[in-house]
Amino acid sequence: MEGDLLMKKKVPSEKEIAKKHGVSVDYVIRQAEIGSTVEREHTTSHEEAYGIALQHIVEFPDYYKHLLSMEKKLKSEWKKKKTFKEFRDFSESAWQRKEGKNKNGGLNEKGRKSYEKENPGSDLKPPQPKGGPRRDSFCARMKGMKDKLTSKKTANDPNSRINKSLDAWNC
């Protein structure tokens, strides 16, 4: 019954949301898939969970990065910004922005340090392209992510972040 009420709201399309926030449709789809996993706590229907996620993404394109505990602060900050780029630059750490990424894939030292600051106990290290257990583990995980989470276009693009990372590790 409750799910029926939720889906009676008009759910904007991914294209409409992308246009509103000035982001790509692929970005909106990725965020909605992440959100649909979170929203499955409210419904057993993937379609309804995806719709709920889109409704949240209409408000903030990076809603699921912040989740509910940050929603109040996020609304306040979003009202002060004029564009998504201004907001993203304000809210994202170096590891999520260009300044923290290695041009050849993966994170540079600044990106690794900012990630470790946000995630206490983590200890990121630079790529280990010569072999060993870290390399084997990384290659296995990333190849699985590539197969599961990338479009055909991205998977075949030698300049995509995931392919650059796999190359840096000699996977």
Protein backbone atom coordinates (compact mmCIF):
# COMPACT_ATOMS: atom_id res chain seq x y z
CA MET A 1 0.00 0.00 0.00
CA GLU A 2 2.69 2.51 1.00
CA GLY A 3 4.75 1.66 -2.11
CA ASP A 4 1.70 2.36 -4.28
CA LEU A 5 1.42 5.83 -2.77
CA LEU A 6 5.11 6.53 -3.39
CA MET A 7 4.94 5.61 -7.05
CA LYS A 8 1.90 7.84 -7.68
CA LYS A 9 4.27 10.82 -7.53
CA LYS A 10 5.64 11.82 -10.92
CA VAL A 11 9.16 10.46 -11.11
CA PRO A 12 11.32 12.60 -13.39
CA SER A 13 13.42 10.87 -16.01
CA GLU A 14 17.18 10.48 -15.70
CA LYS A 15 17.52 12.91 -18.61
CA GLU A 16 15.41 15.57 -16.85
CA ILE A 17 17.43 15.22 -13.66
CA ALA A 18 20.74 15.40 -15.55
CA LYS A 19 19.62 18.56 -17.31
CA LYS A 20 18.45 20.16 -14.05
CA HIS A 21 21.80 19.62 -12.32
CA GLY A 22 24.11 19.95 -15.31
CA VAL A 23 25.47 16.40 -14.98
CA SER A 24 25.55 13.45 -17.37
CA VAL A 25 22.71 10.97 -17.68
CA ASP A 26 25.23 8.20 -16.88
CA TYR A 27 26.03 9.96 -13.58
CA VAL A 28 22.33 10.08 -12.66
CA ILE A 29 21.87 6.40 -13.55
CA ARG A 30 24.89 5.37 -11.42
CA GLN A 31 23.60 7.41 -8.47
CA ALA A 32 20.09 5.94 -8.87
CA GLU A 33 21.47 2.40 -8.87
CA ILE A 34 23.40 3.13 -5.67
CA GLY A 35 20.29 4.73 -4.20
CA SER A 36 18.01 1.87 -5.22
CA THR A 37 20.15 -0.44 -3.11
CA VAL A 38 19.72 1.88 -0.12
CA GLU A 39 15.98 2.32 -0.72
CA ARG A 40 15.36 -1.43 -0.84
CA GLU A 41 14.91 -1.13 2.94
CA HIS A 42 11.54 0.49 2.13
CA THR A 43 10.32 -1.85 -0.62
CA THR A 44 11.06 -5.20 -2.22
CA SER A 45 10.51 -3.80 -5.71
CA HIS A 46 13.62 -2.68 -7.56
CA GLU A 47 11.49 -0.41 -9.73
CA GLU A 48 9.98 1.38 -6.71
CA ALA A 49 13.38 1.65 -5.00
CA TYR A 50 14.85 3.13 -8.20
CA GLY A 51 11.96 5.63 -8.37
CA ILE A 52 12.50 6.68 -4.76
CA ALA A 53 16.21 7.12 -5.47
CA LEU A 54 15.43 9.32 -8.49
CA GLN A 55 13.16 11.47 -6.32
CA HIS A 56 16.05 12.06 -3.92
CA ILE A 57 18.50 12.72 -6.76
CA VAL A 58 16.13 15.40 -8.13
CA GLU A 59 16.88 17.34 -4.94
CA PHE A 60 20.66 16.70 -4.84
CA PRO A 61 22.65 14.90 -7.53
CA ASP A 62 25.00 13.40 -4.91
CA TYR A 63 22.38 12.58 -2.27
CA TYR A 64 23.56 9.04 -1.63
CA LYS A 65 27.09 10.19 -0.92
CA HIS A 66 25.82 12.15 2.04
CA LEU A 67 22.82 10.06 3.11
CA LEU A 68 20.19 11.11 5.59
CA SER A 69 22.48 12.24 8.42
CA MET A 70 23.81 15.01 6.19
CA GLU A 71 20.55 16.03 4.49
CA LYS A 72 19.87 19.07 6.66
CA LYS A 73 23.38 20.49 6.20
CA LEU A 74 23.31 19.64 2.50
CA LYS A 75 20.07 21.56 1.89
CA SER A 76 21.51 24.61 3.59
CA GLU A 77 24.76 24.53 1.59
CA TRP A 78 23.05 23.75 -1.73
CA LYS A 79 20.90 26.89 -1.46
CA LYS A 80 24.08 29.01 -1.24
CA LYS A 81 25.62 27.61 -4.44
CA LYS A 82 24.66 28.51 -7.99
CA THR A 83 25.95 25.47 -9.92
CA PHE A 84 26.66 21.82 -9.30
CA LYS A 85 30.37 22.40 -9.99
CA GLU A 86 30.57 25.01 -7.19
CA PHE A 87 28.79 22.65 -4.82
CA ARG A 88 30.87 19.63 -5.84
CA ASP A 89 34.12 21.55 -5.37
CA PHE A 90 32.91 22.65 -1.94
CA SER A 91 31.74 19.24 -0.77
CA GLU A 92 34.12 16.71 -2.31
CA SER A 93 37.53 15.79 -0.98
CA ALA A 94 40.67 15.71 -3.13
CA TRP A 95 40.36 11.96 -3.80
CA GLN A 96 37.02 12.65 -5.52
CA ARG A 97 38.29 15.56 -7.60
CA LYS A 98 40.85 15.89 -10.38
CA GLU A 99 43.52 17.25 -8.03
CA GLY A 100 43.62 13.93 -6.15
CA LYS A 101 43.66 11.67 -9.19
CA ASN A 102 46.68 10.40 -11.06
CA LYS A 103 46.48 11.18 -14.78
CA ASN A 104 47.49 7.56 -15.44
CA GLY A 105 44.70 6.16 -13.27
CA GLY A 106 44.13 5.69 -9.57
CA LEU A 107 44.88 8.25 -6.91
CA ASN A 108 47.97 10.38 -6.44
CA GLU A 109 49.53 10.94 -3.01
CA LYS A 110 47.24 13.89 -2.23
CA GLY A 111 44.20 11.78 -3.15
CA ARG A 112 45.34 8.84 -1.01
CA LYS A 113 45.92 11.14 1.99
CA SER A 114 42.49 12.78 1.67
CA TYR A 115 40.81 9.37 1.44
CA GLU A 116 42.67 8.15 4.53
CA LYS A 117 41.62 11.29 6.43
CA GLU A 118 37.94 10.61 5.63
CA ASN A 119 38.25 6.88 6.31
CA PRO A 120 40.27 6.39 9.51
CA GLY A 121 42.12 3.09 9.61
CA SER A 122 42.53 2.89 5.85
CA ASP A 123 46.07 2.74 4.51
CA LEU A 124 46.13 3.27 0.74
CA LYS A 125 49.36 2.56 -1.04
CA PRO A 126 50.50 3.39 -4.58
CA PRO A 127 50.08 0.80 -7.35
CA GLN A 128 52.19 -2.37 -7.18
CA PRO A 129 52.61 -3.17 -10.89
CA LYS A 130 55.44 -5.70 -10.43
CA GLY A 131 53.21 -8.38 -8.88
CA GLY A 132 52.46 -9.75 -5.46
CA PRO A 133 49.38 -10.30 -3.33
CA ARG A 134 48.22 -6.65 -3.41
CA ARG A 135 48.38 -6.60 -7.19
CA ASP A 136 46.54 -9.91 -7.55
CA SER A 137 43.80 -8.78 -5.16
CA PHE A 138 43.43 -5.37 -6.82
CA CYS A 139 43.25 -6.84 -10.31
CA ALA A 140 40.63 -9.41 -9.31
CA ARG A 141 38.44 -6.79 -7.61
CA MET A 142 38.73 -4.16 -10.32
CA LYS A 143 38.11 -6.56 -13.18
CA GLY A 144 34.92 -7.64 -11.41
CA MET A 145 33.89 -4.02 -10.93
CA LYS A 146 34.66 -3.25 -14.56
CA ASP A 147 32.46 -6.10 -15.75
CA LYS A 148 29.62 -5.23 -13.37
CA LEU A 149 29.61 -1.43 -13.17
CA THR A 150 30.79 -0.01 -16.49
CA SER A 151 29.03 0.50 -19.78
CA LYS A 152 30.40 -1.15 -22.92
CA LYS A 153 31.66 2.24 -24.07
CA THR A 154 33.60 2.86 -20.83
CA ALA A 155 34.89 -0.71 -20.67
CA ASN A 156 36.42 -0.35 -24.15
CA ASP A 157 37.74 3.20 -23.68
CA PRO A 158 41.51 3.12 -23.00
CA ASN A 159 41.24 6.58 -21.39
CA SER A 160 38.58 5.60 -18.83
CA ARG A 161 39.66 5.83 -15.18
CA ILE A 162 39.12 2.12 -14.59
CA ASN A 163 41.21 1.08 -17.62
CA LYS A 164 43.98 3.50 -16.65
CA SER A 165 44.02 1.99 -13.15
CA LEU A 166 44.15 -1.55 -14.51
CA ASP A 167 47.03 -0.51 -16.79
CA ALA A 168 48.91 1.15 -13.90
CA TRP A 169 48.74 -2.15 -12.00
CA ASN A 170 49.60 -4.22 -15.11
CA CYS A 171 46.34 -6.18 -14.83
